[in-house]
């Protein structure tokens, strides 16, 4: 089940009842926007014990439309990659640290 921002905010407000919901929302918006800006600049975003987000440039290429079998030029674009930390890997696979 994916987590959406509203569920994340509910969980944060439950865990931190002393903070106002609008402050928690502002806080999560700041964090997410900083991650976006860093990736746009081509920088790595490392969240300790969670993982690393980084962007790569995918070269321009000639691809094929599978429906019409027509060749299509695909321009250069940035893609986002995620590599999980060893700690997260162990948690997901029920291994002990």
C-alpha atoms as a PDB file:
ATOM      1  CA  UNK A   1       0.000   0.000   0.000  1.00  0.00           C
ATOM      2  CA  UNK A   2       1.604   3.288  -1.036  1.00  0.00           C
ATOM      3  CA  UNK A   3       1.740   6.144   1.398  1.00  0.00           C
ATOM      4  CA  UNK A   4       0.400   9.485   0.261  1.00  0.00           C
ATOM      5  CA  UNK A   5       1.313  12.839   1.714  1.00  0.00           C
ATOM      6  CA  UNK A   6      -1.964  13.171   3.633  1.00  0.00           C
ATOM      7  CA  UNK A   7      -1.420   9.827   5.384  1.00  0.00           C
ATOM      8  CA  UNK A   8       2.151  10.811   6.175  1.00  0.00           C
ATOM      9  CA  UNK A   9       0.912  14.049   7.737  1.00  0.00           C
ATOM     10  CA  UNK A  10      -1.677  12.160   9.806  1.00  0.00           C
ATOM     11  CA  UNK A  11       1.001   9.804  11.086  1.00  0.00           C
ATOM     12  CA  UNK A  12       3.327  12.706  11.914  1.00  0.00           C
ATOM     13  CA  UNK A  13       0.565  14.566  13.763  1.00  0.00           C
ATOM     14  CA  UNK A  14      -0.234  11.406  15.731  1.00  0.00           C
ATOM     15  CA  UNK A  15       3.432  10.869  16.650  1.00  0.00           C
ATOM     16  CA  UNK A  16       4.068  14.557  17.404  1.00  0.00           C
ATOM     17  CA  UNK A  17       0.891  15.962  18.959  1.00  0.00           C
ATOM     18  CA  UNK A  18       2.705  19.100  20.209  1.00  0.00           C
ATOM     19  CA  UNK A  19       3.187  20.378  16.648  1.00  0.00           C
ATOM     20  CA  UNK A  20       0.416  22.069  14.715  1.00  0.00           C
ATOM     21  CA  UNK A  21      -0.739  20.266  11.567  1.00  0.00           C
ATOM     22  CA  UNK A  22      -0.016  23.303   9.410  1.00  0.00           C
ATOM     23  CA  UNK A  23       3.564  23.401  10.751  1.00  0.00           C
ATOM     24  CA  UNK A  24       4.055  19.699   9.977  1.00  0.00           C
ATOM     25  CA  UNK A  25       2.682  20.240   6.487  1.00  0.00           C
ATOM     26  CA  UNK A  26       5.006  23.202   5.944  1.00  0.00           C
ATOM     27  CA  UNK A  27       7.922  21.103   7.203  1.00  0.00           C
ATOM     28  CA  UNK A  28       7.214  18.197   4.831  1.00  0.00           C
ATOM     29  CA  UNK A  29       6.704  20.596   1.907  1.00  0.00           C
ATOM     30  CA  UNK A  30      10.092  22.192   2.599  1.00  0.00           C
ATOM     31  CA  UNK A  31      11.834  18.819   2.736  1.00  0.00           C
ATOM     32  CA  UNK A  32      10.218  17.541  -0.458  1.00  0.00           C
ATOM     33  CA  UNK A  33      10.874  20.752  -2.357  1.00  0.00           C
ATOM     34  CA  UNK A  34      14.540  20.728  -1.292  1.00  0.00           C
ATOM     35  CA  UNK A  35      14.874  17.150  -2.526  1.00  0.00           C
ATOM     36  CA  UNK A  36      13.332  18.195  -5.865  1.00  0.00           C
ATOM     37  CA  UNK A  37      15.601  21.233  -6.217  1.00  0.00           C
ATOM     38  CA  UNK A  38      18.723  19.225  -5.410  1.00  0.00           C
ATOM     39  CA  UNK A  39      17.825  16.600  -8.010  1.00  0.00           C
ATOM     40  CA  UNK A  40      17.144  19.333 -10.585  1.00  0.00           C
ATOM     41  CA  UNK A  41      20.641  20.717  -9.955  1.00  0.00           C
ATOM     42  CA  UNK A  42      22.077  17.223 -10.474  1.00  0.00           C
ATOM     43  CA  UNK A  43      23.058  16.728  -6.836  1.00  0.00           C
ATOM     44  CA  UNK A  44      22.715  13.554  -4.786  1.00  0.00           C
ATOM     45  CA  UNK A  45      20.280  13.476  -1.873  1.00  0.00           C
ATOM     46  CA  UNK A  46      21.405  11.149   0.891  1.00  0.00           C
ATOM     47  CA  UNK A  47      19.061  10.287   3.751  1.00  0.00           C
ATOM     48  CA  UNK A  48      21.082   8.300   6.291  1.00  0.00           C
ATOM     49  CA  UNK A  49      19.741   4.817   7.095  1.00  0.00           C
ATOM     50  CA  UNK A  50      17.189   5.207   4.287  1.00  0.00           C
ATOM     51  CA  UNK A  51      18.862   5.639   0.919  1.00  0.00           C
ATOM     52  CA  UNK A  52      20.187   7.899  -1.803  1.00  0.00           C
ATOM     53  CA  UNK A  53      18.300   9.681  -4.577  1.00  0.00           C
ATOM     54  CA  UNK A  54      20.335  10.708  -7.614  1.00  0.00           C
ATOM     55  CA  UNK A  55      19.670  11.762 -11.175  1.00  0.00           C
ATOM     56  CA  UNK A  56      21.224  10.430 -14.348  1.00  0.00           C
ATOM     57  CA  UNK A  57      21.090  11.766 -17.874  1.00  0.00           C
ATOM     58  CA  UNK A  58      19.570   9.357 -20.370  1.00  0.00           C
ATOM     59  CA  UNK A  59      21.092   9.874 -23.791  1.00  0.00           C
ATOM     60  CA  UNK A  60      19.002  10.742 -26.823  1.00  0.00           C
ATOM     61  CA  UNK A  61      18.114   7.702 -28.886  1.00  0.00           C
ATOM     62  CA  UNK A  62      15.934   6.427 -31.665  1.00  0.00           C
ATOM     63  CA  UNK A  63      13.124   4.302 -30.293  1.00  0.00           C
ATOM     64  CA  UNK A  64      10.214   2.527 -31.908  1.00  0.00           C
ATOM     65  CA  UNK A  65       6.482   2.998 -31.514  1.00  0.00           C
ATOM     66  CA  UNK A  66       5.308  -0.581 -30.850  1.00  0.00           C
ATOM     67  CA  UNK A  67       1.836   0.071 -32.252  1.00  0.00           C
ATOM     68  CA  UNK A  68       2.861   1.481 -35.636  1.00  0.00           C
ATOM     69  CA  UNK A  69       6.469   0.221 -35.733  1.00  0.00           C
ATOM     70  CA  UNK A  70       7.460   3.803 -36.623  1.00  0.00           C
ATOM     71  CA  UNK A  71      10.861   5.145 -35.505  1.00  0.00           C
ATOM     72  CA  UNK A  72      10.655   7.992 -33.004  1.00  0.00           C
ATOM     73  CA  UNK A  73      13.427  10.298 -31.779  1.00  0.00           C
ATOM     74  CA  UNK A  74      13.592  10.309 -27.983  1.00  0.00           C
ATOM     75  CA  UNK A  75      15.403  13.399 -26.642  1.00  0.00           C
ATOM     76  CA  UNK A  76      17.935  13.507 -23.804  1.00  0.00           C
ATOM     77  CA  UNK A  77      16.255  13.504 -20.411  1.00  0.00           C
ATOM     78  CA  UNK A  78      17.016  13.216 -16.715  1.00  0.00           C
ATOM     79  CA  UNK A  79      15.870  10.183 -14.753  1.00  0.00           C
ATOM     80  CA  UNK A  80      15.762   9.702 -10.988  1.00  0.00           C
ATOM     81  CA  UNK A  81      17.260   6.638  -9.342  1.00  0.00           C
ATOM     82  CA  UNK A  82      17.054   5.417  -5.752  1.00  0.00           C
ATOM     83  CA  UNK A  83      19.467   3.144  -3.941  1.00  0.00           C
ATOM     84  CA  UNK A  84      18.367   1.929  -0.552  1.00  0.00           C
ATOM     85  CA  UNK A  85      20.728   1.778   2.403  1.00  0.00           C
ATOM     86  CA  UNK A  86      21.928  -1.499   3.889  1.00  0.00           C
ATOM     87  CA  UNK A  87      19.883  -0.778   7.017  1.00  0.00           C
ATOM     88  CA  UNK A  88      16.665  -0.402   5.014  1.00  0.00           C
ATOM     89  CA  UNK A  89      17.512  -3.542   3.032  1.00  0.00           C
ATOM     90  CA  UNK A  90      17.903  -5.527   6.264  1.00  0.00           C
ATOM     91  CA  UNK A  91      14.637  -4.168   7.661  1.00  0.00           C
ATOM     92  CA  UNK A  92      12.750  -5.078   4.476  1.00  0.00           C
ATOM     93  CA  UNK A  93      14.199  -8.592   4.501  1.00  0.00           C
ATOM     94  CA  UNK A  94      13.661  -9.165   8.235  1.00  0.00           C
ATOM     95  CA  UNK A  95      17.360  -9.525   8.924  1.00  0.00           C
ATOM     96  CA  UNK A  96      19.025  -8.509  12.152  1.00  0.00           C
ATOM     97  CA  UNK A  97      21.521  -5.643  12.155  1.00  0.00           C
END
